C-alpha cells in the first residue's frame, strides 16, 4: 500500500457529523474528524468509512481546526467542512506541488460552487502569498505541511473565527503568522473542492463587521494597521455606505 501523505481533517458540530460522506479521493489518505458538542447531545458517528475522531465540549471553529492540526500524523493536512465535495485530481496536483517544493509550507487553492463557478476572484497564475494578497484565504482552500507548521509554533488564533466574537479573519491570521515565522505559502490556480455559497458576507459593512475587520488588521499589521485600514476602507467605501464610519475604522474604535 502506498504511503499516506495526506489527512483530510474535518471540523464539525455533533448534529452535523451525519453530513460527512466518503471523500472519493483516490490519493491514499487518513480522515480525522474534530467534533464539537457543547450541548452534549446524542449523535451517531458515520459507519461507511474509516476515520479517527475527537469529541469535545468546546465551541469555535479555530479550536476545532487546532485539534485537527494537533492530531494529524501525515505529512500534509487538508482542512475540510462537513458539507464539502472534493476534487481528487486537484488535490493530487496540490500535493505533488508540495512534494516538489519542500520549502513551501502551505498551498492555497481554489473552491467552486456546485455549478462549477469559482467562489472568489482568484488569481489566474501561481503566486507567493504575502500579507497583502492573502486576506481572502479560506480554510478549506488550504493544504499545510504539518511538521513545518508545528515546528514554527503556528496555530489558529482562537480569538477569531466562527463561534468567536471576532467571527472572521482566522484564515488570514493563520497565513500571515506562518509568513512572520519564516514560512512560505503559495497560491495555485487549482480547484480542489466544491462548496455551496455561504452567507458570511451578509454582514459586510455593518458596524459589527467593521469592528471585527479593524481588529483583524490590527492583529496582522500592528503599528501599520491604521494605514492599512484607511486604504481598505477607501477601496470599499461604497460597500460600507460612504464615509460615516471611516474615522472609527481607521483608528479601530467603535
Protein backbone atom coordinates (compact mmCIF):
# COMPACT_ATOMS: atom_id res chain seq x y z
CA UNK A 1 0.00 0.00 0.00
CA UNK A 2 1.26 3.48 -0.88
CA UNK A 3 2.34 5.73 1.97
CA UNK A 4 -0.39 8.06 3.12
CA UNK A 5 0.84 11.61 2.67
CA UNK A 6 -2.42 13.40 3.41
CA UNK A 7 -5.01 13.76 6.13
CA UNK A 8 -8.40 15.27 5.39
CA UNK A 9 -9.33 16.99 8.64
CA UNK A 10 -12.98 17.82 9.24
CA UNK A 11 -14.29 20.31 11.76
CA UNK A 12 -17.96 19.89 12.58
CA UNK A 13 -20.66 20.06 15.22
CA UNK A 14 -22.26 16.96 16.71
CA UNK A 15 -25.56 17.50 14.92
CA UNK A 16 -23.77 17.77 11.56
CA UNK A 17 -21.46 14.74 11.71
CA UNK A 18 -24.02 12.80 9.70
CA UNK A 19 -23.39 15.12 6.74
CA UNK A 20 -19.84 13.86 6.22
CA UNK A 21 -19.61 11.46 3.29
CA UNK A 22 -16.73 9.35 1.95
CA UNK A 23 -14.23 11.65 0.26
CA UNK A 24 -13.93 9.87 -3.12
CA UNK A 25 -10.28 10.96 -3.27
CA UNK A 26 -8.05 8.30 -4.85
CA UNK A 27 -4.86 9.59 -3.21
CA UNK A 28 -4.31 7.42 -0.12
CA UNK A 29 -5.26 9.48 2.90
CA UNK A 30 -6.38 9.45 6.52
CA UNK A 31 -9.55 11.10 7.76
CA UNK A 32 -9.76 12.88 11.09
CA UNK A 33 -12.93 14.46 12.46
CA UNK A 34 -12.98 17.06 15.21
CA UNK A 35 -16.48 17.13 16.70
CA UNK A 36 -17.69 19.91 18.96
CA UNK A 37 -20.63 19.05 21.19
CA UNK A 38 -21.12 21.93 23.65
CA UNK A 39 -24.77 20.97 24.25
CA UNK A 40 -23.87 17.33 24.94
CA UNK A 41 -26.46 15.96 22.52
CA UNK A 42 -26.65 12.34 21.41
CA UNK A 43 -25.31 11.66 17.93
CA UNK A 44 -24.13 8.82 15.74
CA UNK A 45 -20.77 8.56 14.02
CA UNK A 46 -20.54 7.60 10.33
CA UNK A 47 -20.11 3.89 9.68
CA UNK A 48 -19.43 3.84 5.92
CA UNK A 49 -15.77 4.89 6.00
CA UNK A 50 -12.76 4.68 8.33
CA UNK A 51 -11.65 7.66 10.38
CA UNK A 52 -10.30 8.81 13.72
CA UNK A 53 -12.06 11.45 15.75
CA UNK A 54 -12.12 13.52 18.91
CA UNK A 55 -15.19 14.98 20.61
CA UNK A 56 -15.04 17.99 22.92
CA UNK A 57 -17.48 20.28 24.67
CA UNK A 58 -15.78 23.35 23.24
CA UNK A 59 -17.21 25.82 20.74
CA UNK A 60 -15.42 27.72 17.97
CA UNK A 61 -14.10 26.62 14.61
CA UNK A 62 -10.49 27.64 15.32
CA UNK A 63 -10.38 25.41 18.39
CA UNK A 64 -11.64 22.58 16.19
CA UNK A 65 -9.06 23.30 13.45
CA UNK A 66 -6.30 23.30 16.06
CA UNK A 67 -7.48 19.94 17.34
CA UNK A 68 -7.20 18.59 13.79
CA UNK A 69 -3.75 20.13 13.32
CA UNK A 70 -2.54 18.67 16.60
CA UNK A 71 -3.84 15.17 15.82
CA UNK A 72 -2.63 14.77 12.22
CA UNK A 73 0.01 12.07 11.67
CA UNK A 74 0.62 12.51 7.94
CA UNK A 75 2.92 14.90 6.09
CA UNK A 76 0.15 17.14 4.79
CA UNK A 77 -3.23 18.27 6.08
CA UNK A 78 -6.22 19.44 4.05
CA UNK A 79 -8.85 21.24 6.13
CA UNK A 80 -12.49 20.36 5.47
CA UNK A 81 -16.04 21.21 6.46
CA UNK A 82 -18.89 18.73 6.70
CA UNK A 83 -20.65 19.93 3.53
CA UNK A 84 -17.75 19.86 1.08
CA UNK A 85 -17.17 17.72 -2.01
CA UNK A 86 -13.56 17.15 -3.03
CA UNK A 87 -11.97 17.13 -6.48
CA UNK A 88 -9.39 14.37 -6.29
CA UNK A 89 -7.26 15.38 -9.27
CA UNK A 90 -6.91 18.90 -7.91
CA UNK A 91 -5.84 17.63 -4.52
CA UNK A 92 -3.29 15.30 -6.12
CA UNK A 93 -1.85 18.24 -8.11
CA UNK A 94 -1.54 20.36 -4.97
CA UNK A 95 0.16 17.56 -3.02
CA UNK A 96 2.52 16.93 -5.95
CA UNK A 97 3.47 20.61 -5.85
CA UNK A 98 4.26 20.37 -2.14
CA UNK A 99 6.34 17.25 -2.73
CA UNK A 100 8.32 19.03 -5.48
CA UNK A 101 8.74 22.22 -3.42
CA UNK A 102 9.89 21.25 0.08
CA UNK A 103 10.31 24.89 1.12
CA UNK A 104 6.61 25.56 0.61
CA UNK A 105 4.70 25.19 3.89
CA UNK A 106 1.20 25.97 2.68
CA UNK A 107 -0.69 25.76 -0.60
CA UNK A 108 -3.77 27.88 -1.05
CA UNK A 109 -6.01 26.54 -3.82
CA UNK A 110 -9.46 27.25 -5.28
CA UNK A 111 -13.00 26.18 -4.45
CA UNK A 112 -16.00 26.30 -6.79
CA UNK A 113 -19.74 26.22 -6.21
CA UNK A 114 -22.00 23.37 -7.32
CA UNK A 115 -22.29 24.90 -10.80
CA UNK A 116 -18.54 24.99 -11.28
CA UNK A 117 -18.25 28.75 -10.76
CA UNK A 118 -15.25 29.82 -8.70
CA UNK A 119 -16.37 31.24 -5.37
CA UNK A 120 -13.93 34.17 -5.48
CA UNK A 121 -11.93 36.27 -7.91
CA UNK A 122 -8.83 34.10 -7.67
CA UNK A 123 -5.53 34.93 -9.33
CA UNK A 124 -5.06 33.38 -12.76
CA UNK A 125 -1.49 32.34 -12.02
CA UNK A 126 0.68 30.89 -9.29
CA UNK A 127 1.87 33.50 -6.81
CA UNK A 128 3.60 33.75 -3.46
CA UNK A 129 1.34 34.77 -0.62
CA UNK A 130 2.01 37.91 1.41
CA UNK A 131 0.13 39.96 3.99
CA UNK A 132 -1.28 41.97 1.10
CA UNK A 133 -2.78 39.22 -1.09
CA UNK A 134 -3.98 36.57 1.36
CA UNK A 135 -6.80 38.34 3.20
CA UNK A 136 -9.46 36.30 1.37
CA UNK A 137 -7.90 32.93 2.20
CA UNK A 138 -10.37 30.24 3.23
CA UNK A 139 -9.51 27.29 5.45
CA UNK A 140 -11.00 24.75 3.05
CA UNK A 141 -8.62 26.07 0.37
CA UNK A 142 -5.54 25.24 2.47
CA UNK A 143 -3.16 22.30 2.46
CA UNK A 144 -0.36 22.64 5.03
CA UNK A 145 2.97 20.92 5.62
CA UNK A 146 2.25 19.71 9.14
CA UNK A 147 5.73 19.31 10.67
CA UNK A 148 6.84 22.71 9.41
CA UNK A 149 3.76 24.49 10.76
CA UNK A 150 4.17 22.78 14.11
CA UNK A 151 7.91 23.49 14.31
CA UNK A 152 7.16 27.19 13.77
CA UNK A 153 4.51 27.01 16.51
CA UNK A 154 1.83 28.33 14.20
CA UNK A 155 -1.81 27.60 15.02
CA UNK A 156 -5.18 29.25 14.51
CA UNK A 157 -5.78 32.24 16.78
CA UNK A 158 -8.76 31.12 18.84
CA UNK A 159 -9.86 34.72 19.42
CA UNK A 160 -11.00 34.83 15.79
CA UNK A 161 -13.23 32.73 13.52
CA UNK A 162 -16.80 31.41 13.50
CA UNK A 163 -18.08 30.88 17.02
CA UNK A 164 -15.89 33.66 18.47
CA UNK A 165 -16.77 37.31 18.97
CA UNK A 166 -14.33 38.15 16.17
CA UNK A 167 -16.13 35.90 13.72
CA UNK A 168 -13.79 36.21 10.72
CA UNK A 169 -10.12 36.64 9.80
CA UNK A 170 -8.80 33.42 11.32
CA UNK A 171 -7.51 32.07 8.00
CA UNK A 172 -5.78 35.35 7.11
CA UNK A 173 -4.14 35.48 10.52
CA UNK A 174 -3.00 31.84 10.21
CA UNK A 175 -1.33 32.51 6.84
CA UNK A 176 0.35 35.72 7.97
CA UNK A 177 1.51 34.17 11.25
CA UNK A 178 3.15 31.43 9.18
CA UNK A 179 4.88 34.02 7.00
CA UNK A 180 6.04 36.02 10.04
CA UNK A 181 7.54 32.79 11.45
CA UNK A 182 9.66 32.37 8.32
CA UNK A 183 7.33 30.06 6.43
CA UNK A 184 6.43 30.16 2.77
CA UNK A 185 2.97 29.95 1.21
CA UNK A 186 1.87 29.79 -2.41
CA UNK A 187 -1.43 30.20 -4.23
CA UNK A 188 -2.08 27.71 -7.03
CA UNK A 189 -4.94 28.14 -9.54
CA UNK A 190 -6.07 24.56 -8.90
CA UNK A 191 -9.64 23.74 -7.88
CA UNK A 192 -9.68 21.20 -5.05
CA UNK A 193 -13.26 21.25 -3.79
CA UNK A 194 -16.89 22.17 -4.36
CA UNK A 195 -18.70 24.10 -1.67
CA UNK A 196 -22.01 25.96 -1.72
CA UNK A 197 -22.09 29.71 -1.22
CA UNK A 198 -22.33 30.83 2.39
CA UNK A 199 -23.86 33.93 3.91
CA UNK A 200 -20.82 35.28 5.75
CA UNK A 201 -20.81 38.34 3.52
CA UNK A 202 -24.30 39.38 4.59
CA UNK A 203 -22.84 41.45 7.43
CA UNK A 204 -20.48 43.33 5.10
CA UNK A 205 -20.22 46.99 6.04
CA UNK A 206 -22.24 46.79 9.24
CA UNK A 207 -20.76 48.24 12.40
CA UNK A 208 -20.01 44.79 13.90
CA UNK A 209 -18.36 43.78 10.62
CA UNK A 210 -16.15 46.87 10.60
CA UNK A 211 -15.24 46.34 14.23
CA UNK A 212 -14.05 42.79 13.59
CA UNK A 213 -12.18 43.72 10.40
CA UNK A 214 -10.42 46.53 12.27
CA UNK A 215 -9.24 44.00 14.87
CA UNK A 216 -8.05 41.59 12.19
CA UNK A 217 -5.91 44.28 10.54
CA UNK A 218 -4.53 45.24 13.95
CA UNK A 219 -3.60 41.62 14.61
CA UNK A 220 -1.87 41.24 11.23
CA UNK A 221 -0.19 44.63 10.77
CA UNK A 222 0.34 46.01 14.27
CA UNK A 223 1.52 49.64 14.18
CA UNK A 224 0.86 49.85 10.43
CA UNK A 225 -2.80 48.87 10.88
CA UNK A 226 -4.29 52.42 10.67
CA UNK A 227 -2.72 52.95 7.23
CA UNK A 228 -3.92 49.57 6.01
CA UNK A 229 -7.42 50.16 7.39
CA UNK A 230 -7.60 53.55 5.65
CA UNK A 231 -6.66 52.03 2.29
CA UNK A 232 -9.08 49.14 2.73
CA UNK A 233 -11.96 51.45 3.62
CA UNK A 234 -11.33 53.78 0.71
CA UNK A 235 -11.24 50.83 -1.68
CA UNK A 236 -14.59 49.57 -0.37
CA UNK A 237 -16.32 52.75 0.81
CA UNK A 238 -19.41 52.19 -1.34
CA UNK A 239 -19.95 48.81 0.30
CA UNK A 240 -19.58 50.48 3.68
CA UNK A 241 -22.27 53.06 2.92
CA UNK A 242 -19.98 56.02 2.41
CA UNK A 243 -17.63 57.66 4.89
CA UNK A 244 -19.75 57.71 8.05
CA UNK A 245 -17.59 55.09 9.83
CA UNK A 246 -14.27 55.98 8.19
CA UNK A 247 -12.58 57.66 11.17
CA UNK A 248 -13.65 55.00 13.67
CA UNK A 249 -12.49 52.22 11.36
CA UNK A 250 -9.07 53.80 10.76
CA UNK A 251 -8.36 54.29 14.47
CA UNK A 252 -10.03 50.97 15.32
CA UNK A 253 -12.58 52.47 17.70
CA UNK A 254 -16.33 51.74 17.75
